[in-house]
Amino acid sequence: MAVTLNKRAVAHARKLIEQGDVVRDERDDWSEHAPTAADENTFLDTHDFDDYALWHLGVDPDGSAHTKGRYSFPIGDFSKVHRCAVISAESRAGQYDHDDIEGALKKLLDQIDA
């Protein structure tokens, strides 16, 4: 899987953070705050995959266009960016050598913590 940085999602996240649409939670909170599969499906009932993609910093351009599996490194709950999601995604991106995604997440975390 050749996951690339979703630049539209980065811009979307920056705008949300600037607007104050961010939850400044702790690192380990993501397991409790992450949307469930049912939450994702509910979101997709009223939104398209372009909207879904805005909540994920990773995209596999070779993945099937209209599947959740195409997207990775979630950063929020479809209404707010979560600090815990950004931290979790940054750690995972570093683990798998996605340097561009890791760098973007680090910048988002810096913006949240500023």
PDB file of N, CA and C in Angstrom:
ATOM      1  N   MET A   1       0.852  -1.180   0.000  1.00  0.00           N
ATOM      2  CA  MET A   1       0.000   0.000   0.000  1.00  0.00           C
ATOM      3  C   MET A   1       0.894   1.239   0.000  1.00  0.00           C
ATOM      4  N   ALA A   2       0.727   2.094  -0.977  1.00  0.00           N
ATOM      5  CA  ALA A   2       1.498   3.323  -1.116  1.00  0.00           C
ATOM      6  C   ALA A   2       0.682   4.493  -0.579  1.00  0.00           C
ATOM      7  N   VAL A   3       0.667   4.658   0.719  1.00  0.00           N
ATOM      8  CA  VAL A   3      -0.124   5.719   1.343  1.00  0.00           C
ATOM      9  C   VAL A   3       0.588   7.054   1.147  1.00  0.00           C
ATOM     10  N   THR A   4      -0.190   8.054   0.722  1.00  0.00           N
ATOM     11  CA  THR A   4       0.358   9.388   0.508  1.00  0.00           C
ATOM     12  C   THR A   4      -0.362  10.398   1.405  1.00  0.00           C
ATOM     13  N   LEU A   5       0.263  11.537   1.565  1.00  0.00           N
ATOM     14  CA  LEU A   5      -0.313  12.608   2.379  1.00  0.00           C
ATOM     15  C   LEU A   5      -1.514  13.216   1.675  1.00  0.00           C
ATOM     16  N   ASN A   6      -2.612  13.321   2.395  1.00  0.00           N
ATOM     17  CA  ASN A   6      -3.832  13.937   1.898  1.00  0.00           C
ATOM     18  C   ASN A   6      -3.770  15.428   2.253  1.00  0.00           C
ATOM     19  N   LYS A   7      -3.278  16.223   1.326  1.00  0.00           N
ATOM     20  CA  LYS A   7      -3.066  17.651   1.582  1.00  0.00           C
ATOM     21  C   LYS A   7      -4.376  18.397   1.848  1.00  0.00           C
ATOM     22  N   ARG A   8      -5.456  17.955   1.232  1.00  0.00           N
ATOM     23  CA  ARG A   8      -6.765  18.584   1.492  1.00  0.00           C
ATOM     24  C   ARG A   8      -7.166  18.366   2.955  1.00  0.00           C
ATOM     25  N   ALA A   9      -6.867  17.192   3.486  1.00  0.00           N
ATOM     26  CA  ALA A   9      -7.201  16.912   4.886  1.00  0.00           C
ATOM     27  C   ALA A   9      -6.363  17.761   5.822  1.00  0.00           C
ATOM     28  N   VAL A  10      -5.111  17.992   5.463  1.00  0.00           N
ATOM     29  CA  VAL A  10      -4.246  18.851   6.276  1.00  0.00           C
ATOM     30  C   VAL A  10      -4.830  20.261   6.334  1.00  0.00           C
ATOM     31  N   ALA A  11      -5.203  20.795   5.178  1.00  0.00           N
ATOM     32  CA  ALA A  11      -5.785  22.139   5.124  1.00  0.00           C
ATOM     33  C   ALA A  11      -7.089  22.203   5.911  1.00  0.00           C
ATOM     34  N   HIS A  12      -7.902  21.171   5.789  1.00  0.00           N
ATOM     35  CA  HIS A  12      -9.162  21.092   6.524  1.00  0.00           C
ATOM     36  C   HIS A  12      -8.910  21.092   8.034  1.00  0.00           C
ATOM     37  N   ALA A  13      -7.940  20.295   8.471  1.00  0.00           N
ATOM     38  CA  ALA A  13      -7.615  20.222   9.897  1.00  0.00           C
ATOM     39  C   ALA A  13      -7.093  21.563  10.412  1.00  0.00           C
ATOM     40  N   ARG A  14      -6.224  22.205   9.662  1.00  0.00           N
ATOM     41  CA  ARG A  14      -5.697  23.520  10.082  1.00  0.00           C
ATOM     42  C   ARG A  14      -6.825  24.532  10.260  1.00  0.00           C
ATOM     43  N   LYS A  15      -7.750  24.539   9.313  1.00  0.00           N
ATOM     44  CA  LYS A  15      -8.878  25.472   9.390  1.00  0.00           C
ATOM     45  C   LYS A  15      -9.732  25.182  10.625  1.00  0.00           C
ATOM     46  N   LEU A  16     -10.017  23.908  10.869  1.00  0.00           N
ATOM     47  CA  LEU A  16     -10.818  23.550  12.047  1.00  0.00           C
ATOM     48  C   LEU A  16     -10.126  23.972  13.337  1.00  0.00           C
ATOM     49  N   ILE A  17      -8.820  23.749  13.411  1.00  0.00           N
ATOM     50  CA  ILE A  17      -8.067  24.138  14.609  1.00  0.00           C
ATOM     51  C   ILE A  17      -8.115  25.651  14.786  1.00  0.00           C
ATOM     52  N   GLU A  18      -7.919  26.401  13.696  1.00  0.00           N
ATOM     53  CA  GLU A  18      -7.990  27.868  13.760  1.00  0.00           C
ATOM     54  C   GLU A  18      -9.352  28.341  14.263  1.00  0.00           C
ATOM     55  N   GLN A  19     -10.408  27.638  13.868  1.00  0.00           N
ATOM     56  CA  GLN A  19     -11.773  27.998  14.276  1.00  0.00           C
ATOM     57  C   GLN A  19     -12.088  27.554  15.698  1.00  0.00           C
ATOM     58  N   GLY A  20     -11.206  26.786  16.298  1.00  0.00           N
ATOM     59  CA  GLY A  20     -11.463  26.288  17.640  1.00  0.00           C
ATOM     60  C   GLY A  20     -12.224  24.977  17.675  1.00  0.00           C
ATOM     61  N   ASP A  21     -12.380  24.348  16.526  1.00  0.00           N
ATOM     62  CA  ASP A  21     -13.071  23.060  16.454  1.00  0.00           C
ATOM     63  C   ASP A  21     -12.081  21.936  16.728  1.00  0.00           C
ATOM     64  N   VAL A  22     -11.604  21.906  17.950  1.00  0.00           N
ATOM     65  CA  VAL A  22     -10.578  20.950  18.364  1.00  0.00           C
ATOM     66  C   VAL A  22     -10.844  20.518  19.798  1.00  0.00           C
ATOM     67  N   VAL A  23     -10.575  19.258  20.081  1.00  0.00           N
ATOM     68  CA  VAL A  23     -10.676  18.718  21.438  1.00  0.00           C
ATOM     69  C   VAL A  23      -9.248  18.523  21.926  1.00  0.00           C
ATOM     70  N   ARG A  24      -8.895  19.223  22.984  1.00  0.00           N
ATOM     71  CA  ARG A  24      -7.532  19.149  23.528  1.00  0.00           C
ATOM     72  C   ARG A  24      -7.484  18.070  24.617  1.00  0.00           C
ATOM     73  N   ASP A  25      -7.544  16.849  24.160  1.00  0.00           N
ATOM     74  CA  ASP A  25      -7.585  15.712  25.068  1.00  0.00           C
ATOM     75  C   ASP A  25      -6.191  15.102  25.205  1.00  0.00           C
ATOM     76  N   GLU A  26      -6.113  14.015  25.933  1.00  0.00           N
ATOM     77  CA  GLU A  26      -4.838  13.358  26.212  1.00  0.00           C
ATOM     78  C   GLU A  26      -4.576  12.231  25.226  1.00  0.00           C
ATOM     79  N   ARG A  27      -3.337  11.871  25.097  1.00  0.00           N
ATOM     80  CA  ARG A  27      -2.872  10.869  24.139  1.00  0.00           C
ATOM     81  C   ARG A  27      -3.711   9.597  24.128  1.00  0.00           C
ATOM     82  N   ASP A  28      -3.967   9.033  25.278  1.00  0.00           N
ATOM     83  CA  ASP A  28      -4.636   7.732  25.352  1.00  0.00           C
ATOM     84  C   ASP A  28      -6.148   7.799  25.186  1.00  0.00           C
ATOM     85  N   ASP A  29      -6.705   8.974  24.990  1.00  0.00           N
ATOM     86  CA  ASP A  29      -8.157   9.120  24.869  1.00  0.00           C
ATOM     87  C   ASP A  29      -8.711   8.648  23.525  1.00  0.00           C
ATOM     88  N   TRP A  30      -7.870   8.487  22.515  1.00  0.00           N
ATOM     89  CA  TRP A  30      -8.367   8.180  21.179  1.00  0.00           C
ATOM     90  C   TRP A  30      -9.120   6.859  21.135  1.00  0.00           C
ATOM     91  N   SER A  31      -8.722   5.891  21.940  1.00  0.00           N
ATOM     92  CA  SER A  31      -9.441   4.609  21.917  1.00  0.00           C
ATOM     93  C   SER A  31     -10.899   4.790  22.327  1.00  0.00           C
ATOM     94  N   GLU A  32     -11.176   5.781  23.154  1.00  0.00           N
ATOM     95  CA  GLU A  32     -12.548   6.065  23.569  1.00  0.00           C
ATOM     96  C   GLU A  32     -13.239   7.067  22.654  1.00  0.00           C
ATOM     97  N   HIS A  33     -12.484   7.952  22.034  1.00  0.00           N
ATOM     98  CA  HIS A  33     -13.063   9.027  21.232  1.00  0.00           C
ATOM     99  C   HIS A  33     -13.189   8.703  19.754  1.00  0.00           C
ATOM    100  N   ALA A  34     -12.474   7.702  19.278  1.00  0.00           N
ATOM    101  CA  ALA A  34     -12.479   7.369  17.856  1.00  0.00           C
ATOM    102  C   ALA A  34     -13.874   6.953  17.401  1.00  0.00           C
ATOM    103  N   PRO A  35     -14.271   7.401  16.218  1.00  0.00           N
ATOM    104  CA  PRO A  35     -15.568   6.972  15.687  1.00  0.00           C
ATOM    105  C   PRO A  35     -15.595   5.448  15.487  1.00  0.00           C
ATOM    106  N   THR A  36     -16.721   4.864  15.781  1.00  0.00           N
ATOM    107  CA  THR A  36     -16.911   3.436  15.535  1.00  0.00           C
ATOM    108  C   THR A  36     -17.235   3.230  14.056  1.00  0.00           C
ATOM    109  N   ALA A  37     -17.256   1.993  13.624  1.00  0.00           N
ATOM    110  CA  ALA A  37     -17.648   1.690  12.251  1.00  0.00           C
ATOM    111  C   ALA A  37     -19.068   2.197  11.993  1.00  0.00           C
ATOM    112  N   ALA A  38     -19.922   2.071  12.990  1.00  0.00           N
ATOM    113  CA  ALA A  38     -21.300   2.569  12.850  1.00  0.00           C
ATOM    114  C   ALA A  38     -21.313   4.092  12.706  1.00  0.00           C
ATOM    115  N   ASP A  39     -20.464   4.786  13.470  1.00  0.00           N
ATOM    116  CA  ASP A  39     -20.357   6.248  13.348  1.00  0.00           C
ATOM    117  C   ASP A  39     -19.894   6.634  11.942  1.00  0.00           C
ATOM    118  N   GLU A  40     -18.925   5.895  11.425  1.00  0.00           N
ATOM    119  CA  GLU A  40     -18.435   6.172  10.076  1.00  0.00           C
ATOM    120  C   GLU A  40     -19.545   5.963   9.047  1.00  0.00           C
ATOM    121  N   ASN A  41     -20.285   4.884   9.198  1.00  0.00           N
ATOM    122  CA  ASN A  41     -21.381   4.602   8.264  1.00  0.00           C
ATOM    123  C   ASN A  41     -22.470   5.662   8.343  1.00  0.00           C
ATOM    124  N   THR A  42     -22.777   6.125   9.550  1.00  0.00           N
ATOM    125  CA  THR A  42     -23.763   7.192   9.725  1.00  0.00           C
ATOM    126  C   THR A  42     -23.295   8.465   9.023  1.00  0.00           C
ATOM    127  N   PHE A  43     -22.018   8.794   9.185  1.00  0.00           N
ATOM    128  CA  PHE A  43     -21.456   9.955   8.502  1.00  0.00           C
ATOM    129  C   PHE A  43     -21.597   9.801   6.986  1.00  0.00           C
ATOM    130  N   LEU A  44     -21.285   8.610   6.488  1.00  0.00           N
ATOM    131  CA  LEU A  44     -21.355   8.372   5.040  1.00  0.00           C
ATOM    132  C   LEU A  44     -22.783   8.313   4.511  1.00  0.00           C
ATOM    133  N   ASP A  45     -23.757   8.149   5.395  1.00  0.00           N
ATOM    134  CA  ASP A  45     -25.159   8.199   4.969  1.00  0.00           C
ATOM    135  C   ASP A  45     -25.549   9.594   4.488  1.00  0.00           C
ATOM    136  N   THR A  46     -24.878  10.617   5.018  1.00  0.00           N
ATOM    137  CA  THR A  46     -25.229  11.996   4.681  1.00  0.00           C
ATOM    138  C   THR A  46     -24.086  12.767   4.018  1.00  0.00           C
ATOM    139  N   HIS A  47     -22.943  12.118   3.819  1.00  0.00           N
ATOM    140  CA  HIS A  47     -21.775  12.753   3.201  1.00  0.00           C
ATOM    141  C   HIS A  47     -21.185  11.800   2.173  1.00  0.00           C
ATOM    142  N   ASP A  48     -20.349  12.345   1.318  1.00  0.00           N
ATOM    143  CA  ASP A  48     -19.689  11.482   0.337  1.00  0.00           C
ATOM    144  C   ASP A  48     -18.259  11.161   0.787  1.00  0.00           C
ATOM    145  N   PHE A  49     -17.562  10.371  -0.008  1.00  0.00           N
ATOM    146  CA  PHE A  49     -16.213   9.962   0.361  1.00  0.00           C
ATOM    147  C   PHE A  49     -15.219  11.113   0.299  1.00  0.00           C
ATOM    148  N   ASP A  50     -15.517  12.156  -0.470  1.00  0.00           N
ATOM    149  CA  ASP A  50     -14.653  13.338  -0.443  1.00  0.00           C
ATOM    150  C   ASP A  50     -14.682  13.975   0.940  1.00  0.00           C
ATOM    151  N   ASP A  51     -15.859  14.029   1.559  1.00  0.00           N
ATOM    152  CA  ASP A  51     -15.972  14.561   2.917  1.00  0.00           C
ATOM    153  C   ASP A  51     -15.295  13.631   3.925  1.00  0.00           C
ATOM    154  N   TYR A  52     -15.489  12.347   3.737  1.00  0.00           N
ATOM    155  CA  TYR A  52     -14.863  11.346   4.613  1.00  0.00           C
ATOM    156  C   TYR A  52     -13.339  11.483   4.559  1.00  0.00           C
ATOM    157  N   ALA A  53     -12.806  11.693   3.372  1.00  0.00           N
ATOM    158  CA  ALA A  53     -11.363  11.809   3.178  1.00  0.00           C
ATOM    159  C   ALA A  53     -10.770  12.988   3.944  1.00  0.00           C
ATOM    160  N   LEU A  54     -11.544  14.041   4.142  1.00  0.00           N
ATOM    161  CA  LEU A  54     -11.042  15.225   4.855  1.00  0.00           C
ATOM    162  C   LEU A  54     -10.664  14.934   6.299  1.00  0.00           C
ATOM    163  N   TRP A  55     -11.098  13.825   6.822  1.00  0.00           N
ATOM    164  CA  TRP A  55     -10.823  13.442   8.207  1.00  0.00           C
ATOM    165  C   TRP A  55      -9.689  12.428   8.320  1.00  0.00           C
ATOM    166  N   HIS A  56      -8.960  12.215   7.216  1.00  0.00           N
ATOM    167  CA  HIS A  56      -7.873  11.232   7.196  1.00  0.00           C
ATOM    168  C   HIS A  56      -6.668  11.817   6.466  1.00  0.00           C
ATOM    169  N   LEU A  57      -5.502  11.801   7.123  1.00  0.00           N
ATOM    170  CA  LEU A  57      -4.314  12.370   6.501  1.00  0.00           C
ATOM    171  C   LEU A  57      -3.631  11.421   5.533  1.00  0.00           C
ATOM    172  N   GLY A  58      -3.991  10.149   5.552  1.00  0.00           N
ATOM    173  CA  GLY A  58      -3.411   9.197   4.625  1.00  0.00           C
ATOM    174  C   GLY A  58      -4.434   8.720   3.618  1.00  0.00           C
ATOM    175  N   VAL A  59      -3.982   8.587   2.381  1.00  0.00           N
ATOM    176  CA  VAL A  59      -4.855   8.047   1.330  1.00  0.00           C
ATOM    177  C   VAL A  59      -4.018   7.110   0.456  1.00  0.00           C
ATOM    178  N   ASP A  60      -4.607   5.992   0.117  1.00  0.00           N
ATOM    179  CA  ASP A  60      -3.968   5.043  -0.789  1.00  0.00           C
ATOM    180  C   ASP A  60      -4.569   5.269  -2.170  1.00  0.00           C
ATOM    181  N   PRO A  61      -3.855   5.947  -3.068  1.00  0.00           N
ATOM    182  CA  PRO A  61      -4.416   6.265  -4.376  1.00  0.00           C
ATOM    183  C   PRO A  61      -4.747   5.029  -5.207  1.00  0.00           C
ATOM    184  N   ASP A  62      -4.182   3.887  -4.848  1.00  0.00           N
ATOM    185  CA  ASP A  62      -4.484   2.646  -5.566  1.00  0.00           C
ATOM    186  C   ASP A  62      -5.665   1.896  -4.958  1.00  0.00           C
ATOM    187  N   GLY A  63      -6.142   2.366  -3.805  1.00  0.00           N
ATOM    188  CA  GLY A  63      -7.267   1.721  -3.142  1.00  0.00           C
ATOM    189  C   GLY A  63      -8.579   2.032  -3.848  1.00  0.00           C
ATOM    190  N   SER A  64      -9.559   1.204  -3.626  1.00  0.00           N
ATOM    191  CA  SER A  64     -10.882   1.416  -4.226  1.00  0.00           C
ATOM    192  C   SER A  64     -11.446   2.760  -3.786  1.00  0.00           C
ATOM    193  N   ALA A  65     -11.936   3.522  -4.749  1.00  0.00           N
ATOM    194  CA  ALA A  65     -12.325   4.914  -4.522  1.00  0.00           C
ATOM    195  C   ALA A  65     -13.417   5.099  -3.481  1.00  0.00           C
ATOM    196  N   HIS A  66     -14.358   4.236  -3.407  1.00  0.00           N
ATOM    197  CA  HIS A  66     -15.492   4.444  -2.515  1.00  0.00           C
ATOM    198  C   HIS A  66     -15.505   3.420  -1.387  1.00  0.00           C
ATOM    199  N   THR A  67     -14.348   3.310  -0.717  1.00  0.00           N
ATOM    200  CA  THR A  67     -14.237   2.405   0.425  1.00  0.00           C
ATOM    201  C   THR A  67     -13.514   3.106   1.563  1.00  0.00           C
ATOM    202  N   LYS A  68     -13.880   2.775   2.774  1.00  0.00           N
ATOM    203  CA  LYS A  68     -13.221   3.339   3.945  1.00  0.00           C
ATOM    204  C   LYS A  68     -11.768   2.896   4.021  1.00  0.00           C
ATOM    205  N   GLY A  69     -11.474   1.716   3.486  1.00  0.00           N
ATOM    206  CA  GLY A  69     -10.127   1.181   3.540  1.00  0.00           C
ATOM    207  C   GLY A  69      -9.089   1.980   2.770  1.00  0.00           C
ATOM    208  N   ARG A  70      -9.544   2.861   1.911  1.00  0.00           N
ATOM    209  CA  ARG A  70      -8.626   3.703   1.134  1.00  0.00           C
ATOM    210  C   ARG A  70      -7.959   4.762   2.011  1.00  0.00           C
ATOM    211  N   TYR A  71      -8.562   5.058   3.149  1.00  0.00           N
ATOM    212  CA  TYR A  71      -8.128   6.184   3.979  1.00  0.00           C
ATOM    213  C   TYR A  71      -7.549   5.703   5.307  1.00  0.00           C
ATOM    214  N   SER A  72      -6.533   6.425   5.782  1.00  0.00           N
ATOM    215  CA  SER A  72      -5.876   6.072   7.036  1.00  0.00           C
ATOM    216  C   SER A  72      -5.438   7.333   7.771  1.00  0.00           C
ATOM    217  N   PHE A  73      -4.981   7.156   8.966  1.00  0.00           N
ATOM    218  CA  PHE A  73      -4.535   8.237   9.834  1.00  0.00           C
ATOM    219  C   PHE A  73      -5.653   9.250  10.112  1.00  0.00           C
ATOM    220  N   PRO A  74      -6.718   8.784  10.784  1.00  0.00           N
ATOM    221  CA  PRO A  74      -7.827   9.676  11.130  1.00  0.00           C
ATOM    222  C   PRO A  74      -7.388  10.727  12.149  1.00  0.00           C
ATOM    223  N   ILE A  75      -8.032  11.896  12.072  1.00  0.00           N
ATOM    224  CA  ILE A  75      -7.638  13.001  12.957  1.00  0.00           C
ATOM    225  C   ILE A  75      -8.806  13.586  13.750  1.00  0.00           C
ATOM    226  N   GLY A  76      -9.972  12.964  13.682  1.00  0.00           N
ATOM    227  CA  GLY A  76     -11.094  13.511  14.433  1.00  0.00           C
ATOM    228  C   GLY A  76     -12.335  12.676  14.332  1.00  0.00           C
ATOM    229  N   ASP A  77     -13.430  13.255  14.824  1.00  0.00           N
ATOM    230  CA  ASP A  77     -14.700  12.531  14.961  1.00  0.00           C
ATOM    231  C   ASP A  77     -15.783  13.030  14.002  1.00  0.00           C
ATOM    232  N   PHE A  78     -15.373  13.648  12.901  1.00  0.00           N
ATOM    233  CA  PHE A  78     -16.272  14.184  11.871  1.00  0.00           C
ATOM    234  C   PHE A  78     -16.932  15.498  12.277  1.00  0.00           C
ATOM    235  N   SER A  79     -16.531  16.041  13.430  1.00  0.00           N
ATOM    236  CA  SER A  79     -16.973  17.386  13.779  1.00  0.00           C
ATOM    237  C   SER A  79     -15.822  18.220  14.349  1.00  0.00           C
ATOM    238  N   LYS A  80     -14.898  17.557  15.035  1.00  0.00           N
ATOM    239  CA  LYS A  80     -13.755  18.260  15.625  1.00  0.00           C
ATOM    240  C   LYS A  80     -12.488  17.430  15.469  1.00  0.00           C
ATOM    241  N   VAL A  81     -11.376  18.141  15.347  1.00  0.00           N
ATOM    242  CA  VAL A  81     -10.070  17.494  15.378  1.00  0.00           C
ATOM    243  C   VAL A  81      -9.794  17.118  16.834  1.00  0.00           C
ATOM    244  N   HIS A  82      -9.267  15.937  17.039  1.00  0.00           N
ATOM    245  CA  HIS A  82      -8.921  15.489  18.395  1.00  0.00           C
ATOM    246  C   HIS A  82      -7.404  15.431  18.530  1.00  0.00           C
ATOM    247  N   ARG A  83      -6.906  16.090  19.554  1.00  0.00           N
ATOM    248  CA  ARG A  83      -5.467  16.063  19.830  1.00  0.00           C
ATOM    249  C   ARG A  83      -4.979  14.624  19.968  1.00  0.00           C
ATOM    250  N   CYS A  84      -5.751  13.790  20.656  1.00  0.00           N
ATOM    251  CA  CYS A  84      -5.347  12.405  20.864  1.00  0.00           C
ATOM    252  C   CYS A  84      -5.247  11.640  19.542  1.00  0.00           C
ATOM    253  N   ALA A  85      -6.080  11.959  18.577  1.00  0.00           N
ATOM    254  CA  ALA A  85      -6.025  11.307  17.268  1.00  0.00           C
ATOM    255  C   ALA A  85      -4.765  11.725  16.522  1.00  0.00           C
ATOM    256  N   VAL A  86      -4.433  13.001  16.616  1.00  0.00           N
ATOM    257  CA  VAL A  86      -3.240  13.518  15.947  1.00  0.00           C
ATOM    258  C   VAL A  86      -1.993  12.857  16.536  1.00  0.00           C
ATOM    259  N   ILE A  87      -1.934  12.744  17.857  1.00  0.00           N
ATOM    260  CA  ILE A  87      -0.786  12.105  18.506  1.00  0.00           C
ATOM    261  C   ILE A  87      -0.689  10.637  18.094  1.00  0.00           C
ATOM    262  N   SER A  88      -1.812   9.946  18.131  1.00  0.00           N
ATOM    263  CA  SER A  88      -1.834   8.534  17.763  1.00  0.00           C
ATOM    264  C   SER A  88      -1.404   8.335  16.316  1.00  0.00           C
ATOM    265  N   ALA A  89      -1.926   9.152  15.424  1.00  0.00           N
ATOM    266  CA  ALA A  89      -1.594   9.042  14.008  1.00  0.00           C
ATOM    267  C   ALA A  89      -0.119   9.382  13.767  1.00  0.00           C
ATOM    268  N   GLU A  90       0.385  10.386  14.468  1.00  0.00           N
ATOM    269  CA  GLU A  90       1.797  10.757  14.308  1.00  0.00           C
ATOM    270  C   GLU A  90       2.703   9.597  14.700  1.00  0.00           C
ATOM    271  N   SER A  91       2.388   8.950  15.794  1.00  0.00           N
ATOM    272  CA  SER A  91       3.172   7.807  16.250  1.00  0.00           C
ATOM    273  C   SER A  91       3.138   6.675  15.226  1.00  0.00           C
ATOM    274  N   ARG A  92       1.953   6.375  14.720  1.00  0.00           N
ATOM    275  CA  ARG A  92       1.790   5.303  13.742  1.00  0.00           C
ATOM    276  C   ARG A  92       2.490   5.636  12.421  1.00  0.00           C
ATOM    277  N   ALA A  93       2.405   6.890  11.995  1.00  0.00           N
ATOM    278  CA  ALA A  93       3.071   7.300  10.756  1.00  0.00           C
ATOM    279  C   ALA A  93       4.577   7.125  10.888  1.00  0.00           C
ATOM    280  N   GLY A  94       5.120   7.465  12.052  1.00  0.00           N
ATOM    281  CA  GLY A  94       6.550   7.282  12.290  1.00  0.00           C
ATOM    282  C   GLY A  94       6.949   5.818  12.275  1.00  0.00           C
ATOM    283  N   GLN A  95       6.098   4.993  12.849  1.00  0.00           N
ATOM    284  CA  GLN A  95       6.353   3.545  12.882  1.00  0.00           C
ATOM    285  C   GLN A  95       6.492   2.958  11.492  1.00  0.00           C
ATOM    286  N   TYR A  96       5.689   3.441  10.567  1.00  0.00           N
ATOM    287  CA  TYR A  96       5.642   2.878   9.222  1.00  0.00           C
ATOM    288  C   TYR A  96       6.357   3.734   8.177  1.00  0.00           C
ATOM    289  N   ASP A  97       7.208   4.651   8.657  1.00  0.00           N
ATOM    290  CA  ASP A  97       8.051   5.472   7.782  1.00  0.00           C
ATOM    291  C   ASP A  97       7.284   6.318   6.771  1.00  0.00           C
ATOM    292  N   HIS A  98       6.155   6.842   7.190  1.00  0.00           N
ATOM    293  CA  HIS A  98       5.403   7.802   6.365  1.00  0.00           C
ATOM    294  C   HIS A  98       5.824   9.203   6.826  1.00  0.00           C
ATOM    295  N   ASP A  99       7.033   9.592   6.419  1.00  0.00           N
ATOM    296  CA  ASP A  99       7.645  10.809   6.939  1.00  0.00           C
ATOM    297  C   ASP A  99       6.845  12.069   6.642  1.00  0.00           C
ATOM    298  N   ASP A 100       6.261  12.153   5.447  1.00  0.00           N
ATOM    299  CA  ASP A 100       5.492  13.353   5.102  1.00  0.00           C
ATOM    300  C   ASP A 100       4.228  13.451   5.953  1.00  0.00           C
ATOM    301  N   ILE A 101       3.588  12.333   6.196  1.00  0.00           N
ATOM    302  CA  ILE A 101       2.386  12.326   7.044  1.00  0.00           C
ATOM    303  C   ILE A 101       2.767  12.622   8.486  1.00  0.00           C
ATOM    304  N   GLU A 102       3.842  12.008   8.952  1.00  0.00           N
ATOM    305  CA  GLU A 102       4.313  12.259  10.318  1.00  0.00           C
ATOM    306  C   GLU A 102       4.635  13.746  10.512  1.00  0.00           C
ATOM    307  N   GLY A 103       5.299  14.349   9.539  1.00  0.00           N
ATOM    308  CA  GLY A 103       5.645  15.768   9.632  1.00  0.00           C
ATOM    309  C   GLY A 103       4.415  16.661   9.663  1.00  0.00           C
ATOM    310  N   ALA A 104       3.430  16.349   8.835  1.00  0.00           N
ATOM    311  CA  ALA A 104       2.193  17.137   8.816  1.00  0.00           C
ATOM    312  C   ALA A 104       1.462  17.018  10.159  1.00  0.00           C
ATOM    313  N   LEU A 105       1.441  15.824  10.711  1.00  0.00           N
ATOM    314  CA  LEU A 105       0.786  15.616  12.003  1.00  0.00           C
ATOM    315  C   LEU A 105       1.514  16.356  13.120  1.00  0.00           C
ATOM    316  N   LYS A 106       2.834  16.374  13.073  1.00  0.00           N
ATOM    317  CA  LYS A 106       3.619  17.115  14.064  1.00  0.00           C
ATOM    318  C   LYS A 106       3.262  18.605  14.004  1.00  0.00           C
ATOM    319  N   LYS A 107       3.135  19.146  12.810  1.00  0.00           N
ATOM    320  CA  LYS A 107       2.763  20.557  12.657  1.00  0.00           C
ATOM    321  C   LYS A 107       1.356  20.821  13.182  1.00  0.00           C
ATOM    322  N   LEU A 108       0.430  19.887  12.940  1.00  0.00           N
ATOM    323  CA  LEU A 108      -0.926  20.048  13.470  1.00  0.00           C
ATOM    324  C   LEU A 108      -0.907  20.017  14.992  1.00  0.00           C
ATOM    325  N   LEU A 109      -0.115  19.113  15.568  1.00  0.00           N
ATOM    326  CA  LEU A 109      -0.026  19.042  17.026  1.00  0.00           C
ATOM    327  C   LEU A 109       0.556  20.342  17.580  1.00  0.00           C
ATOM    328  N   ASP A 110       1.579  20.876  16.927  1.00  0.00           N
ATOM    329  CA  ASP A 110       2.153  22.154  17.355  1.00  0.00           C
ATOM    330  C   ASP A 110       1.097  23.258  17.298  1.00  0.00           C
ATOM    331  N   GLN A 111       0.272  23.253  16.254  1.00  0.00           N
ATOM    332  CA  GLN A 111      -0.785  24.255  16.120  1.00  0.00           C
ATOM    333  C   GLN A 111      -1.818  24.099  17.249  1.00  0.00           C
ATOM    334  N   ILE A 112      -2.175  22.879  17.568  1.00  0.00           N
ATOM    335  CA  ILE A 112      -3.127  22.628  18.653  1.00  0.00           C
ATOM    336  C   ILE A 112      -2.569  23.103  19.990  1.00  0.00           C
ATOM    337  N   ASP A 113      -1.304  22.794  20.222  1.00  0.00           N
ATOM    338  CA  ASP A 113      -0.685  23.094  21.514  1.00  0.00           C
ATOM    339  C   ASP A 113      -0.226  24.537  21.669  1.00  0.00           C
ATOM    340  N   ALA A 114      -0.272  25.316  20.579  1.00  0.00           N
ATOM    341  CA  ALA A 114       0.191  26.707  20.636  1.00  0.00           C
ATOM    342  C   ALA A 114      -0.696  27.559  21.525  1.00  0.00           C
TER     343      ALA A 114
END
